[in-house]
Amino acid sequence: MTYAIDTRNCYLQHFIAAPAVEIYYMLLSQNGLSQITGLDIEIDSHHHGKWICEYEGIYGYNLHATPNSTITLAVHKKSFPAYHFSIVTILLEEKQNGCFVFINQYGVPTDFQADFQHFWEQKILSPLSIYFDGLNLSAAQLEE
């Protein structure tokens, strides 16, 4: 089977009411990310940052991380062509009341673009927002 590979970038932007440092470490934390998203995520420290997510056979490798700033991943889905990985860059841009999270993914076969947009928006970014919004609400209630 032949797949068309879209070389255009799949781009998402999302604001989360939390400091970049907290988002950064949450994205790289197996326990934290699994707990917040409800996904079964494994990060294998013995295989140089390989991670596996039970959602639709998605797995990959952490290629590079700059603390509180960027994370670069190679991402594969079981139904992709063999040995094909897309590249994901997650950029964290600190703002006064939180952080913009920019996700740029390219090299996704065209048949899977909607799947990945759903994965990043609904399975990762929305649960992170809900989690940090809850923490901020609790902190505000404690200050009263």
Protein backbone atom coordinates (compact mmCIF):
# COMPACT_ATOMS: atom_id res chain seq x y z
CA MET A 1 0.00 0.00 0.00
CA THR A 2 1.28 3.49 -0.85
CA TYR A 3 0.68 6.46 1.44
CA ALA A 4 0.81 10.12 0.52
CA ILE A 5 3.06 11.99 2.94
CA ASP A 6 2.06 15.57 3.60
CA THR A 7 5.15 17.71 3.98
CA ARG A 8 3.08 20.63 5.24
CA ASN A 9 3.14 21.19 8.94
CA CYS A 10 0.28 20.20 11.21
CA TYR A 11 0.20 23.13 13.62
CA LEU A 12 -1.66 23.57 16.91
CA GLN A 13 -1.58 26.36 19.47
CA HIS A 14 -3.02 26.07 22.96
CA PHE A 15 -2.84 28.27 26.08
CA ILE A 16 -2.43 26.56 29.46
CA ALA A 17 -2.63 28.49 32.70
CA ALA A 18 0.59 27.13 34.17
CA PRO A 19 4.31 27.96 34.06
CA ALA A 20 6.35 26.42 31.24
CA VAL A 21 8.47 24.48 33.75
CA GLU A 22 5.41 22.61 35.08
CA ILE A 23 4.08 21.81 31.60
CA TYR A 24 7.53 20.70 30.44
CA TYR A 25 8.03 18.23 33.27
CA MET A 26 4.44 16.99 33.05
CA LEU A 27 4.89 16.19 29.33
CA LEU A 28 8.01 14.16 30.13
CA SER A 29 6.57 12.43 33.21
CA GLN A 30 5.11 8.96 32.70
CA ASN A 31 3.11 8.97 35.94
CA GLY A 32 1.90 12.55 35.70
CA LEU A 33 0.88 12.40 32.06
CA SER A 34 -0.83 9.02 32.47
CA GLN A 35 -2.75 10.23 35.50
CA ILE A 36 -3.92 13.47 33.90
CA THR A 37 -4.77 12.13 30.43
CA GLY A 38 -6.09 8.71 31.46
CA LEU A 39 -3.89 7.16 28.75
CA ASP A 40 -1.62 4.21 29.41
CA ILE A 41 1.77 5.80 28.68
CA GLU A 42 5.09 4.07 29.25
CA ILE A 43 8.44 5.84 29.07
CA ASP A 44 11.31 3.36 28.82
CA SER A 45 14.41 4.86 30.45
CA HIS A 46 16.54 1.93 29.22
CA HIS A 47 15.89 2.68 25.55
CA HIS A 48 16.91 6.34 25.25
CA GLY A 49 13.54 7.97 25.78
CA LYS A 50 11.34 5.52 23.89
CA TRP A 51 7.72 5.97 24.88
CA ILE A 52 4.57 4.04 24.08
CA CYS A 53 1.00 5.30 24.32
CA GLU A 54 -1.84 2.78 24.20
CA TYR A 55 -3.97 5.20 22.18
CA GLU A 56 -4.20 3.80 18.62
CA GLY A 57 -0.70 2.28 18.64
CA ILE A 58 1.20 5.57 18.87
CA TYR A 59 4.80 5.39 20.02
CA GLY A 60 8.03 7.25 19.50
CA TYR A 61 11.28 8.59 20.83
CA ASN A 62 12.29 11.77 22.61
CA LEU A 63 14.92 13.20 20.29
CA HIS A 64 15.82 16.40 22.11
CA ALA A 65 14.61 18.41 25.06
CA THR A 66 15.57 21.89 26.21
CA PRO A 67 14.25 22.41 29.74
CA ASN A 68 11.16 24.62 29.95
CA SER A 69 11.38 25.42 26.25
CA THR A 70 11.17 22.67 23.61
CA ILE A 71 10.65 18.94 23.19
CA THR A 72 11.32 17.19 19.88
CA LEU A 73 9.85 13.76 19.23
CA ALA A 74 9.90 11.15 16.49
CA VAL A 75 6.37 9.69 16.37
CA HIS A 76 5.08 6.52 14.72
CA LYS A 77 1.65 4.94 14.55
CA LYS A 78 1.26 1.18 14.02
CA SER A 79 -0.74 1.74 10.84
CA PHE A 80 1.93 4.07 9.31
CA PRO A 81 4.16 2.68 6.57
CA ALA A 82 6.96 0.58 8.08
CA TYR A 83 9.80 2.59 9.61
CA HIS A 84 8.08 5.93 8.94
CA PHE A 85 8.20 8.51 11.72
CA SER A 86 6.78 12.01 11.78
CA ILE A 87 8.64 14.73 13.66
CA VAL A 88 6.93 16.71 16.41
CA THR A 89 8.27 19.88 17.99
CA ILE A 90 6.57 21.14 21.13
CA LEU A 91 7.47 24.74 21.91
CA LEU A 92 6.60 26.30 25.27
CA GLU A 93 6.33 30.09 25.31
CA GLU A 94 6.02 31.56 28.79
CA LYS A 95 3.51 34.38 29.27
CA GLN A 96 2.42 36.32 32.34
CA ASN A 97 -0.56 34.11 33.26
CA GLY A 98 0.57 30.82 31.79
CA CYS A 99 2.16 29.35 28.73
CA PHE A 100 1.39 28.95 25.04
CA VAL A 101 2.03 25.42 23.83
CA PHE A 102 2.77 25.19 20.11
CA ILE A 103 2.77 21.74 18.51
CA ASN A 104 4.24 21.43 15.05
CA GLN A 105 4.11 17.97 13.45
CA TYR A 106 5.24 17.19 9.93
CA GLY A 107 5.67 14.09 7.82
CA VAL A 108 2.27 12.65 8.72
CA PRO A 109 0.65 10.47 6.07
CA THR A 110 -2.41 12.41 4.87
CA ASP A 111 -4.83 9.68 5.98
CA PHE A 112 -3.75 10.19 9.61
CA GLN A 113 -3.70 13.97 10.00
CA ALA A 114 -7.13 14.19 11.64
CA ASP A 115 -6.17 11.36 14.02
CA PHE A 116 -3.12 13.25 15.23
CA GLN A 117 -4.94 16.56 15.54
CA HIS A 118 -7.52 14.78 17.71
CA PHE A 119 -4.77 13.07 19.72
CA TRP A 120 -2.91 16.30 20.54
CA GLU A 121 -6.00 18.44 21.16
CA GLN A 122 -8.32 16.03 22.95
CA LYS A 123 -5.99 13.50 24.55
CA ILE A 124 -3.05 15.69 25.62
CA LEU A 125 -3.70 19.46 25.59
CA SER A 126 -7.30 19.56 26.87
CA PRO A 127 -6.60 17.27 29.86
CA LEU A 128 -3.50 19.33 30.73
CA SER A 129 -5.58 22.53 30.63
CA ILE A 130 -8.29 21.04 32.81
CA TYR A 131 -5.71 19.78 35.31
CA PHE A 132 -3.89 23.10 35.64
CA ASP A 133 -7.14 25.09 35.68
CA GLY A 134 -8.22 22.95 38.64
CA LEU A 135 -4.94 23.65 40.45
CA ASN A 136 -5.30 27.38 39.84
CA LEU A 137 -8.90 27.35 41.08
CA SER A 138 -7.84 25.48 44.24
CA ALA A 139 -5.01 27.97 44.89
CA ALA A 140 -7.39 30.91 44.43
CA GLN A 141 -9.86 29.33 46.87
CA LEU A 142 -7.08 28.88 49.44
CA GLU A 143 -6.18 32.56 49.19
CA GLU A 144 -9.72 33.66 50.04
